[in-house]
Amino acid sequence: MLDLKVKQSPDPLLSGSLESELQAAIPILDLLPIATCICDADGRIVQYNRRAVELWGRVPEPGQTHDQFTARTRFFSLGGDELPRSVLAEVLRTGKAVRNEEITVERGQGERMAVQVSIDPILDARGKLIGAINCFQDVTERHRMLDALSRSQQDLREQQERWNSTYEHAAIGIVEIDAEGRFLRVNEAICSIVGGTREELLGWKLFGRTHPDDRDVDGELYQRQVKGELEFYSIEKRFIRRDGRTIWMGVRSSTVRDPDGKFLYGVRVVQDITERKEGEERQKLLIDELNHRVKNTLATVQSLATQTARGADTPEAFREAFEGRLIALSQAHDQLTLRHWRSADLRAIVSGSTAPYLSRPDQQLRIDGDAITLTPRVALTLALVLHELTTNASKYGALSAPEGRIEISWRVEPRPGKPSRLRIEWRERDGPPVEAPERSGFGSRFIQGSVATELLGVARMEFEPEGLRCTIDVPLSAGKAEG
């Protein structure tokens, strides 16, 4: 900035007159690319250039002081604090120069402009302050660019932090590998999936622990990706963990290249899909088991149809008996389905088999026995046996009389040195008098034959005068006590 000292004029009329000393400098000011104005010691604007007028947006009136000219202008520090007076007034008051100070100027209607100011005091030959020269320039655009750069850098840092956070805390494994398959970067999830530390993984190569049966396929695809023949590919493969356990991985491999298309590294996103694969295997087994059960059920239905037809005198009798047995079979299937065909509850089988024939369940049926779980085969057999007993009771036994009732109980009987047995007892009471039939009907033959064949047990039918008594005795392995 200008360091202007004025020589004392021999003419006393011009002594200390700043205007007379500036006449020669007037053409120079308009050549300066920076806004410039000169004030006398009282702050009156005595000279300015075109660039100053452009920034001010108006021309000062003759004899107007800088404070008067900027009366409606507010000045702020870069921190946002309003300044009590203009920087020029402060220089005239103290005589201290200001160099490259940046302030914010607010003009009419709230318009703000960032300004860089340098103000030097003007002294005469005796060192007396006779004015100041103010050089200032609009740096608003530079501030905008710096702010934009700062925001861009901040956004970049935040984006990088988000990426790092996502990379590290993602629930899926992420691996970056070079063209040779060496691990360059790994996240925490992949360490958990493969069972190794970050330091260990950074010493691994891509196919070192891939299951031998899957290694060639993945290796060939990755080499094609490195060569540029593939941009990405997906594969499911087996992987041998550090602890020796084999798991299934779902892998999606993508490529990062430089602007010239040169391979930089591959990014592989990895998920542990072992549970899904095991689920698919279980589903296959279940489908196979279902097919097996369907075949067995069809065989059971066919057998029921054949045996029912042998004991039926008319088509109506066949239809009634056959439908009842199918319903009993269906109800047993419902109970097994509730437990995913793993087991069935004996009490539920008893209740389901007798319910269709009871108009007053609380008065007509009494059940007594501990909780027993049955295998599917045993549940189906007992459901059909109980259906036969209940059907017979509704036609000829206790359930055919208003006051008739049924008592069903069971218990586990230990046998020293031998497997324990499950004993189920059916008793009918308060029904019509009972007499032993001259010959065994289909129901009796079905009950005794099913228990003997399917359950390896014994069913005894006793036609006592007060009501039928049926005792079923089977090995405890046919059913399992809970608890």
Protein backbone atom coordinates (compact mmCIF):
# COMPACT_ATOMS: atom_id res chain seq x y z
CA MET A 1 0.00 0.00 0.00
CA LEU A 2 0.98 3.61 -0.38
CA ASP A 3 3.23 5.04 2.29
CA LEU A 4 2.64 8.69 1.37
CA LYS A 5 4.39 11.48 3.21
CA VAL A 6 3.70 15.07 2.05
CA LYS A 7 6.49 17.63 1.90
CA GLN A 8 5.67 20.95 3.53
CA SER A 9 4.72 23.58 0.94
CA PRO A 10 6.51 26.99 1.02
CA ASP A 11 3.20 28.64 0.33
CA PRO A 12 1.52 29.08 3.73
CA LEU A 13 -1.90 28.97 2.09
CA LEU A 14 -1.22 25.42 0.91
CA SER A 15 0.58 24.29 4.03
CA GLY A 16 -1.17 21.12 5.33
CA SER A 17 -3.59 21.16 2.40
CA LEU A 18 -3.98 17.54 1.26
CA GLU A 19 -5.97 18.49 -1.85
CA SER A 20 -3.09 20.47 -3.31
CA GLU A 21 -0.69 17.56 -2.80
CA LEU A 22 -3.01 15.09 -4.59
CA GLN A 23 -3.45 16.85 -7.89
CA ALA A 24 -0.57 15.00 -9.48
CA ALA A 25 -1.81 11.63 -8.13
CA ILE A 26 -5.36 11.85 -9.53
CA PRO A 27 -4.69 10.17 -12.91
CA ILE A 28 -2.78 7.36 -11.18
CA LEU A 29 -5.69 6.32 -8.91
CA ASP A 30 -7.94 5.45 -11.84
CA LEU A 31 -5.26 3.14 -13.18
CA LEU A 32 -5.23 1.05 -10.00
CA PRO A 33 -7.19 -2.26 -10.17
CA ILE A 34 -8.10 -1.93 -6.52
CA ALA A 35 -10.68 0.46 -5.04
CA THR A 36 -8.95 3.44 -3.44
CA CYS A 37 -10.11 6.52 -1.60
CA ILE A 38 -8.20 9.23 0.27
CA CYS A 39 -9.52 11.18 3.24
CA ASP A 40 -8.13 14.16 5.08
CA ALA A 41 -7.53 14.22 8.82
CA ASP A 42 -11.18 15.05 9.47
CA GLY A 43 -12.34 12.08 7.41
CA ARG A 44 -13.54 14.11 4.42
CA ILE A 45 -13.29 12.14 1.18
CA VAL A 46 -10.97 14.16 -1.01
CA GLN A 47 -10.21 11.64 -3.76
CA TYR A 48 -11.39 8.22 -4.99
CA ASN A 49 -11.12 6.17 -8.15
CA ARG A 50 -13.60 4.50 -10.47
CA ARG A 51 -13.21 1.10 -8.83
CA ALA A 52 -14.26 2.59 -5.48
CA VAL A 53 -17.42 4.02 -7.05
CA GLU A 54 -18.20 0.57 -8.51
CA LEU A 55 -17.98 -1.05 -5.10
CA TRP A 56 -19.81 1.76 -3.29
CA GLY A 57 -22.52 1.84 -5.90
CA ARG A 58 -22.76 5.63 -5.64
CA VAL A 59 -20.65 8.81 -5.65
CA PRO A 60 -19.92 10.74 -2.43
CA GLU A 61 -21.07 14.32 -2.23
CA PRO A 62 -18.39 17.09 -2.21
CA GLY A 63 -17.02 17.70 1.31
CA GLN A 64 -18.77 14.59 2.67
CA THR A 65 -16.87 12.71 5.37
CA HIS A 66 -16.41 8.98 5.19
CA ASP A 67 -18.61 8.52 8.28
CA GLN A 68 -21.36 10.57 6.66
CA PHE A 69 -21.03 8.70 3.40
CA THR A 70 -21.27 5.32 5.16
CA ALA A 71 -23.87 6.37 7.75
CA ARG A 72 -26.31 3.71 6.53
CA THR A 73 -23.64 1.07 6.22
CA ARG A 74 -22.91 -1.47 8.95
CA PHE A 75 -19.56 -3.10 9.49
CA PHE A 76 -18.98 -6.55 10.97
CA SER A 77 -15.96 -8.60 11.87
CA LEU A 78 -15.54 -12.01 10.20
CA GLY A 79 -16.79 -13.54 13.43
CA GLY A 80 -20.11 -11.71 12.98
CA ASP A 81 -19.71 -9.06 15.69
CA GLU A 82 -20.81 -5.56 14.65
CA LEU A 83 -17.99 -3.01 14.74
CA PRO A 84 -18.65 0.26 16.64
CA ARG A 85 -17.06 2.41 13.89
CA SER A 86 -15.49 2.04 10.50
CA VAL A 87 -11.91 0.82 10.19
CA LEU A 88 -10.96 4.11 8.48
CA ALA A 89 -12.21 6.16 11.42
CA GLU A 90 -10.13 3.99 13.75
CA VAL A 91 -6.98 4.59 11.70
CA LEU A 92 -7.57 8.35 11.71
CA ARG A 93 -8.06 8.20 15.45
CA THR A 94 -5.02 6.10 16.32
CA GLY A 95 -2.68 6.73 13.39
CA LYS A 96 -2.03 2.98 13.17
CA ALA A 97 -2.09 1.30 9.79
CA VAL A 98 -4.35 -1.66 9.06
CA ARG A 99 -3.13 -4.27 6.58
CA ASN A 100 -5.25 -6.89 4.82
CA GLU A 101 -8.04 -6.92 7.39
CA GLU A 102 -11.21 -8.63 6.21
CA ILE A 103 -14.58 -7.31 7.31
CA THR A 104 -18.19 -7.70 6.23
CA VAL A 105 -20.01 -4.64 4.93
CA GLU A 106 -23.80 -4.54 4.98
CA ARG A 107 -25.35 -2.03 2.62
CA GLY A 108 -28.98 -1.20 2.05
CA GLN A 109 -31.64 -3.96 2.10
CA GLY A 110 -29.35 -6.32 4.00
CA GLU A 111 -26.96 -6.90 1.12
CA ARG A 112 -23.60 -8.04 2.49
CA MET A 113 -20.17 -8.02 0.94
CA ALA A 114 -16.85 -9.34 2.21
CA VAL A 115 -14.14 -6.68 1.88
CA GLN A 116 -10.39 -6.83 2.40
CA VAL A 117 -9.13 -3.48 3.70
CA SER A 118 -5.66 -1.93 3.94
CA ILE A 119 -5.50 1.64 5.32
CA ASP A 120 -2.35 3.68 5.80
CA PRO A 121 -2.15 7.04 7.60
CA ILE A 122 -0.75 9.97 5.57
CA LEU A 123 1.78 12.11 7.41
CA ASP A 124 3.30 15.45 6.45
CA ALA A 125 7.03 16.22 6.62
CA ARG A 126 6.71 16.92 10.34
CA GLY A 127 5.02 13.61 10.95
CA LYS A 128 1.63 15.11 11.51
CA LEU A 129 -1.37 13.05 10.48
CA ILE A 130 -3.10 14.82 7.61
CA GLY A 131 -5.24 12.00 6.24
CA ALA A 132 -5.42 8.35 5.26
CA ILE A 133 -5.44 6.30 2.11
CA ASN A 134 -7.93 3.42 2.03
CA CYS A 135 -7.41 0.54 -0.40
CA PHE A 136 -10.17 -2.06 -0.40
CA GLN A 137 -11.42 -4.87 -2.62
CA ASP A 138 -14.46 -7.13 -2.82
CA VAL A 139 -13.46 -10.66 -1.74
CA THR A 140 -17.03 -11.98 -1.50
CA GLU A 141 -16.56 -14.40 -4.38
CA ARG A 142 -13.35 -15.66 -2.90
CA HIS A 143 -15.16 -16.25 0.38
CA ARG A 144 -17.90 -18.11 -1.46
CA MET A 145 -15.30 -20.26 -3.16
CA LEU A 146 -13.53 -20.90 0.13
CA ASP A 147 -16.85 -21.71 1.84
CA ALA A 148 -17.79 -24.00 -1.03
CA LEU A 149 -14.38 -25.66 -0.81
CA SER A 150 -14.74 -26.04 2.95
CA ARG A 151 -18.22 -27.53 2.59
CA SER A 152 -16.98 -29.83 -0.15
CA GLN A 153 -14.11 -30.97 2.05
CA GLN A 154 -16.48 -31.43 4.97
CA ASP A 155 -18.91 -33.39 2.80
CA LEU A 156 -16.02 -35.49 1.58
CA ARG A 157 -14.87 -36.16 5.16
CA GLU A 158 -18.43 -37.02 6.22
CA GLN A 159 -18.88 -39.25 3.20
CA GLN A 160 -15.60 -40.98 3.96
CA GLU A 161 -16.59 -41.37 7.60
CA ARG A 162 -19.98 -42.77 6.60
CA TRP A 163 -18.32 -45.15 4.19
CA ASN A 164 -15.79 -46.22 6.82
CA SER A 165 -18.58 -46.67 9.35
CA THR A 166 -20.72 -48.60 6.87
CA TYR A 167 -17.71 -50.64 5.79
CA GLU A 168 -16.77 -51.59 9.31
CA HIS A 169 -20.21 -52.05 10.84
CA ALA A 170 -22.05 -53.61 7.90
CA ALA A 171 -23.75 -56.91 8.70
CA ILE A 172 -22.20 -58.40 5.57
CA GLY A 173 -18.56 -59.16 4.94
CA ILE A 174 -16.60 -56.89 2.59
CA VAL A 175 -13.18 -57.79 1.15
CA GLU A 176 -10.93 -55.88 -1.24
CA ILE A 177 -8.48 -58.07 -3.15
CA ASP A 178 -5.79 -57.51 -5.77
CA ALA A 179 -5.46 -59.23 -9.12
CA GLU A 180 -3.57 -62.12 -7.52
CA GLY A 181 -6.28 -62.69 -4.94
CA ARG A 182 -4.41 -61.23 -1.96
CA PHE A 183 -6.57 -59.58 0.71
CA LEU A 184 -5.97 -55.82 0.77
CA ARG A 185 -8.70 -54.68 3.13
CA VAL A 186 -11.33 -56.47 5.21
CA ASN A 187 -14.11 -55.42 7.55
CA GLU A 188 -15.11 -56.83 10.92
CA ALA A 189 -18.04 -58.83 9.55
CA ILE A 190 -15.88 -60.96 7.26
CA CYS A 191 -13.55 -61.68 10.18
CA SER A 192 -16.53 -63.01 12.10
CA ILE A 193 -17.77 -65.06 9.14
CA VAL A 194 -14.47 -66.85 8.47
CA GLY A 195 -13.35 -67.00 12.10
CA GLY A 196 -10.04 -65.13 11.81
CA THR A 197 -8.52 -61.85 12.95
CA ARG A 198 -7.97 -58.88 10.64
CA GLU A 199 -4.20 -59.44 10.74
CA GLU A 200 -4.64 -63.10 9.78
CA LEU A 201 -6.97 -62.34 6.90
CA LEU A 202 -4.60 -59.75 5.42
CA GLY A 203 -2.12 -62.59 4.96
CA TRP A 204 -4.62 -64.83 3.13
CA LYS A 205 -5.22 -65.38 -0.54
CA LEU A 206 -8.68 -65.60 -2.03
CA PHE A 207 -8.94 -69.30 -2.82
CA GLY A 208 -6.73 -70.69 -0.05
CA ARG A 209 -9.68 -71.81 2.08
CA THR A 210 -12.35 -72.27 -0.58
CA HIS A 211 -13.68 -75.82 -0.58
CA PRO A 212 -11.74 -77.85 -3.20
CA ASP A 213 -14.93 -78.73 -5.08
CA ASP A 214 -15.79 -75.01 -5.54
CA ARG A 215 -12.30 -73.55 -6.00
CA ASP A 216 -11.95 -73.92 -9.77
CA VAL A 217 -15.29 -72.33 -10.61
CA ASP A 218 -14.69 -69.24 -8.46
CA GLY A 219 -11.08 -68.93 -9.62
CA GLU A 220 -12.00 -69.02 -13.29
CA LEU A 221 -14.71 -66.38 -12.86
CA TYR A 222 -12.36 -64.07 -10.93
CA GLN A 223 -9.63 -64.29 -13.56
CA ARG A 224 -12.16 -63.37 -16.23
CA GLN A 225 -13.16 -60.42 -14.08
CA VAL A 226 -9.54 -59.25 -13.74
CA LYS A 227 -9.11 -59.47 -17.53
CA GLY A 228 -12.18 -57.31 -18.07
CA GLU A 229 -14.39 -60.06 -19.48
CA LEU A 230 -16.77 -59.72 -16.52
CA GLU A 231 -17.66 -56.62 -14.52
CA PHE A 232 -19.25 -58.63 -11.72
CA TYR A 233 -20.48 -62.11 -10.89
CA SER A 234 -22.29 -63.92 -8.09
CA ILE A 235 -21.57 -67.37 -6.74
CA GLU A 236 -22.49 -69.61 -3.83
CA LYS A 237 -19.60 -71.68 -2.54
CA ARG A 238 -18.36 -73.61 0.46
CA PHE A 239 -15.61 -72.18 2.62
CA ILE A 240 -13.46 -73.83 5.28
CA ARG A 241 -13.32 -71.61 8.37
CA ARG A 242 -10.22 -71.21 10.46
CA ASP A 243 -11.72 -73.61 13.04
CA GLY A 244 -12.17 -76.26 10.34
CA ARG A 245 -15.94 -75.96 10.02
CA THR A 246 -17.30 -75.77 6.47
CA ILE A 247 -19.82 -73.01 5.81
CA TRP A 248 -21.70 -71.76 2.77
CA MET A 249 -21.01 -68.28 1.41
CA GLY A 250 -22.97 -66.11 -1.00
CA VAL A 251 -20.44 -63.92 -2.85
CA ARG A 252 -20.95 -60.98 -5.22
CA SER A 253 -17.69 -59.85 -6.80
CA SER A 254 -17.39 -56.46 -8.52
CA THR A 255 -14.50 -54.54 -10.10
CA VAL A 256 -12.80 -51.19 -9.46
CA ARG A 257 -10.76 -49.84 -12.39
CA ASP A 258 -8.81 -46.64 -13.08
CA PRO A 259 -9.97 -44.10 -15.76
CA ASP A 260 -8.01 -46.05 -18.38
CA GLY A 261 -9.83 -49.27 -17.52
CA LYS A 262 -6.88 -50.88 -15.74
CA PHE A 263 -7.85 -53.28 -12.96
CA LEU A 264 -7.17 -51.82 -9.53
CA TYR A 265 -8.86 -54.26 -7.14
CA GLY A 266 -11.93 -56.38 -6.70
CA VAL A 267 -14.60 -55.86 -4.07
CA ARG A 268 -16.35 -58.96 -2.78
CA VAL A 269 -19.50 -58.73 -0.67
CA VAL A 270 -19.91 -61.89 1.37
CA GLN A 271 -22.84 -63.33 3.30
CA ASP A 272 -22.93 -66.43 5.46
CA ILE A 273 -25.78 -68.44 3.90
CA THR A 274 -25.13 -71.64 5.83
CA GLU A 275 -28.43 -71.41 7.69
CA ARG A 276 -30.33 -70.90 4.44
CA LYS A 277 -28.56 -73.84 2.79
CA GLU A 278 -29.29 -76.04 5.79
CA GLY A 279 -32.90 -74.86 5.64
CA GLU A 280 -33.07 -75.83 1.97
CA GLU A 281 -31.67 -79.24 2.85
CA ARG A 282 -34.20 -79.64 5.66
CA GLN A 283 -36.93 -78.57 3.25
CA LYS A 284 -35.82 -81.24 0.78
CA LEU A 285 -35.87 -83.85 3.54
CA LEU A 286 -39.31 -82.66 4.61
CA ILE A 287 -40.59 -82.93 1.05
CA ASP A 288 -39.17 -86.45 0.82
CA GLU A 289 -40.75 -87.25 4.19
CA LEU A 290 -44.04 -85.73 3.06
CA ASN A 291 -44.02 -87.87 -0.06
CA HIS A 292 -43.39 -90.88 2.14
CA ARG A 293 -46.22 -89.93 4.49
CA VAL A 294 -48.60 -89.29 1.62
CA LYS A 295 -47.88 -92.74 0.26
CA ASN A 296 -48.38 -94.27 3.72
CA THR A 297 -51.61 -92.30 4.21
CA LEU A 298 -52.92 -93.44 0.85
CA ALA A 299 -52.05 -97.01 1.79
CA THR A 300 -53.88 -96.54 5.11
CA VAL A 301 -56.93 -95.11 3.36
CA GLN A 302 -56.90 -97.93 0.86
CA SER A 303 -56.72 -100.47 3.68
CA LEU A 304 -59.54 -98.72 5.57
CA ALA A 305 -61.67 -98.74 2.44
CA THR A 306 -61.04 -102.43 1.82
CA GLN A 307 -61.73 -103.51 5.40
CA THR A 308 -64.77 -101.22 5.73
CA ALA A 309 -66.23 -102.64 2.53
CA ARG A 310 -65.88 -106.17 3.89
CA GLY A 311 -67.90 -105.33 6.99
CA ALA A 312 -70.60 -103.17 5.33
CA ASP A 313 -73.90 -104.68 4.18
CA THR A 314 -75.05 -101.67 2.13
CA PRO A 315 -73.42 -98.75 0.28
CA GLU A 316 -74.89 -96.36 2.85
CA ALA A 317 -73.32 -98.30 5.71
CA PHE A 318 -69.97 -98.32 3.89
CA ARG A 319 -70.12 -94.57 3.25
CA GLU A 320 -70.99 -93.76 6.88
CA ALA A 321 -68.30 -95.97 8.36
CA PHE A 322 -65.64 -94.97 5.84
CA GLU A 323 -66.27 -91.23 6.24
CA GLY A 324 -66.04 -91.49 10.03
CA ARG A 325 -62.70 -93.28 9.84
CA LEU A 326 -61.34 -90.73 7.36
CA ILE A 327 -62.38 -87.88 9.69
CA ALA A 328 -60.62 -89.59 12.61
CA LEU A 329 -57.50 -89.94 10.45
CA SER A 330 -57.74 -86.26 9.44
CA GLN A 331 -58.05 -85.09 13.05
CA ALA A 332 -54.94 -87.05 13.99
CA HIS A 333 -53.13 -85.39 11.09
CA ASP A 334 -54.20 -81.99 12.45
CA GLN A 335 -52.69 -82.77 15.84
CA LEU A 336 -49.44 -83.88 14.25
CA THR A 337 -49.30 -80.79 12.05
CA LEU A 338 -49.46 -78.57 15.15
CA ARG A 339 -46.16 -80.14 16.24
CA HIS A 340 -44.64 -80.21 12.75
CA TRP A 341 -45.14 -83.96 12.54
CA ARG A 342 -42.59 -84.64 15.25
CA SER A 343 -45.07 -85.84 17.90
CA ALA A 344 -48.62 -85.57 19.21
CA ASP A 345 -50.13 -85.22 22.67
CA LEU A 346 -52.11 -88.27 23.86
CA ARG A 347 -54.71 -86.15 25.62
CA ALA A 348 -55.28 -84.14 22.43
CA ILE A 349 -55.68 -87.35 20.40
CA VAL A 350 -58.24 -88.68 22.91
CA SER A 351 -60.20 -85.39 22.92
CA GLY A 352 -60.15 -85.07 19.14
CA SER A 353 -61.28 -88.65 18.54
CA THR A 354 -64.25 -88.53 20.94
CA ALA A 355 -65.42 -84.90 20.52
CA PRO A 356 -67.69 -85.42 17.45
CA TYR A 357 -69.84 -87.90 19.39
CA LEU A 358 -70.25 -85.94 22.64
CA SER A 359 -73.17 -83.57 23.15
CA ARG A 360 -72.22 -82.89 26.81
CA PRO A 361 -68.42 -83.41 26.99
CA ASP A 362 -68.13 -82.38 30.67
CA GLN A 363 -70.68 -85.00 31.70
CA GLN A 364 -70.03 -87.75 29.16
CA LEU A 365 -66.22 -87.96 29.18
CA ARG A 366 -63.64 -88.24 31.94
CA ILE A 367 -59.94 -88.26 31.08
CA ASP A 368 -57.20 -89.12 33.57
CA GLY A 369 -53.51 -89.46 32.81
CA ASP A 370 -50.14 -87.73 32.78
CA ALA A 371 -48.89 -85.86 29.73
CA ILE A 372 -47.62 -88.34 27.14
CA THR A 373 -46.20 -87.51 23.71
CA LEU A 374 -46.67 -89.99 20.89
CA THR A 375 -44.75 -90.63 17.70
CA PRO A 376 -46.69 -89.92 14.47
CA ARG A 377 -47.21 -93.61 13.74
CA VAL A 378 -48.58 -94.32 17.22
CA ALA A 379 -50.79 -91.21 17.16
CA LEU A 380 -52.43 -92.22 13.89
CA THR A 381 -53.03 -95.80 15.08
CA LEU A 382 -54.53 -94.74 18.43
CA ALA A 383 -56.72 -92.12 16.75
CA LEU A 384 -58.30 -94.80 14.55
CA VAL A 385 -58.63 -97.22 17.49
CA LEU A 386 -60.34 -94.57 19.64
CA HIS A 387 -62.61 -93.68 16.72
CA GLU A 388 -63.76 -97.28 16.48
CA LEU A 389 -64.42 -97.43 20.22
CA THR A 390 -66.31 -94.13 20.19
CA THR A 391 -68.39 -95.09 17.14
CA ASN A 392 -69.36 -98.40 18.76
CA ALA A 393 -70.22 -96.57 22.02
CA SER A 394 -72.50 -94.12 20.19
CA LYS A 395 -74.36 -96.94 18.37
CA TYR A 396 -74.57 -99.67 20.96
CA GLY A 397 -72.75 -98.65 24.13
CA ALA A 398 -72.73 -95.94 26.79
CA LEU A 399 -73.09 -92.97 24.42
CA SER A 400 -76.36 -94.38 23.08
CA ALA A 401 -78.02 -93.77 26.48
CA PRO A 402 -78.80 -90.30 27.94
CA GLU A 403 -76.83 -90.94 31.16
CA GLY A 404 -74.01 -92.91 29.61
CA ARG A 405 -70.40 -91.86 30.02
CA ILE A 406 -66.89 -92.92 29.13
CA GLU A 407 -63.77 -93.00 31.29
CA ILE A 408 -60.38 -93.05 29.60
CA SER A 409 -57.21 -93.30 31.67
CA TRP A 410 -53.59 -94.22 31.15
CA ARG A 411 -50.47 -94.77 33.17
CA VAL A 412 -46.89 -95.93 32.79
CA GLU A 413 -46.19 -99.31 34.43
CA PRO A 414 -42.53 -99.99 35.28
CA ARG A 415 -41.30 -103.56 34.89
CA PRO A 416 -38.07 -104.58 36.70
CA GLY A 417 -35.45 -105.66 34.22
CA LYS A 418 -37.72 -104.94 31.26
CA PRO A 419 -38.90 -101.86 29.36
CA SER A 420 -41.80 -100.01 30.97
CA ARG A 421 -45.20 -100.20 29.30
CA LEU A 422 -47.97 -97.74 28.58
CA ARG A 423 -51.38 -98.98 29.69
CA ILE A 424 -54.52 -97.27 28.33
CA GLU A 425 -57.95 -98.20 29.67
CA TRP A 426 -61.33 -97.45 28.09
CA ARG A 427 -64.43 -98.00 30.28
CA GLU A 428 -68.09 -97.38 29.49
CA ARG A 429 -70.60 -96.80 32.27
CA ASP A 430 -74.38 -96.25 32.72
CA GLY A 431 -75.21 -97.43 29.23
CA PRO A 432 -77.46 -100.29 28.11
CA PRO A 433 -76.63 -103.84 29.31
CA VAL A 434 -73.74 -105.33 27.37
CA GLU A 435 -73.41 -108.89 26.10
CA ALA A 436 -70.45 -110.41 24.35
CA PRO A 437 -71.09 -110.73 20.58
CA GLU A 438 -71.27 -114.15 19.01
CA ARG A 439 -68.56 -113.18 16.57
CA SER A 440 -66.04 -110.36 16.37
CA GLY A 441 -67.02 -107.49 14.10
CA PHE A 442 -64.77 -105.31 11.96
CA GLY A 443 -64.26 -102.80 14.78
CA SER A 444 -62.98 -105.38 17.25
CA ARG A 445 -60.73 -106.99 14.67
CA PHE A 446 -59.39 -103.59 13.58
CA ILE A 447 -58.62 -102.52 17.16
CA GLN A 448 -56.83 -105.71 18.13
CA GLY A 449 -55.03 -106.08 14.83
CA SER A 450 -53.83 -102.44 14.69
CA VAL A 451 -52.48 -102.47 18.24
CA ALA A 452 -50.69 -105.77 17.64
CA THR A 453 -49.29 -104.87 14.20
CA GLU A 454 -48.52 -101.14 14.51
CA LEU A 455 -47.77 -100.84 18.24
CA LEU A 456 -46.48 -104.33 19.03
CA GLY A 457 -48.93 -104.43 21.92
CA VAL A 458 -52.10 -106.11 23.07
CA ALA A 459 -55.72 -104.90 23.07
CA ARG A 460 -58.22 -106.80 25.24
CA MET A 461 -61.96 -106.32 24.82
CA GLU A 462 -64.09 -107.26 27.88
CA PHE A 463 -67.87 -107.04 27.49
CA GLU A 464 -68.87 -106.57 31.12
CA PRO A 465 -72.57 -106.14 32.00
CA GLU A 466 -72.06 -102.53 33.14
CA GLY A 467 -70.22 -101.58 29.97
CA LEU A 468 -67.42 -102.36 27.55
CA ARG A 469 -63.89 -102.34 28.91
CA CYS A 470 -60.93 -102.14 26.53
CA THR A 471 -57.37 -102.32 27.79
CA ILE A 472 -54.49 -101.39 25.48
CA ASP A 473 -51.02 -102.42 26.61
CA VAL A 474 -48.04 -101.27 24.51
CA PRO A 475 -44.27 -100.80 25.07
CA LEU A 476 -43.38 -97.40 26.48
CA SER A 477 -41.20 -96.79 23.43
CA ALA A 478 -44.44 -96.42 21.52
CA GLY A 479 -45.05 -93.19 23.47
CA LYS A 480 -42.77 -90.92 25.52
CA ALA A 481 -43.68 -89.44 28.89
CA GLU A 482 -43.11 -85.67 29.18
CA GLY A 483 -40.99 -84.27 32.00
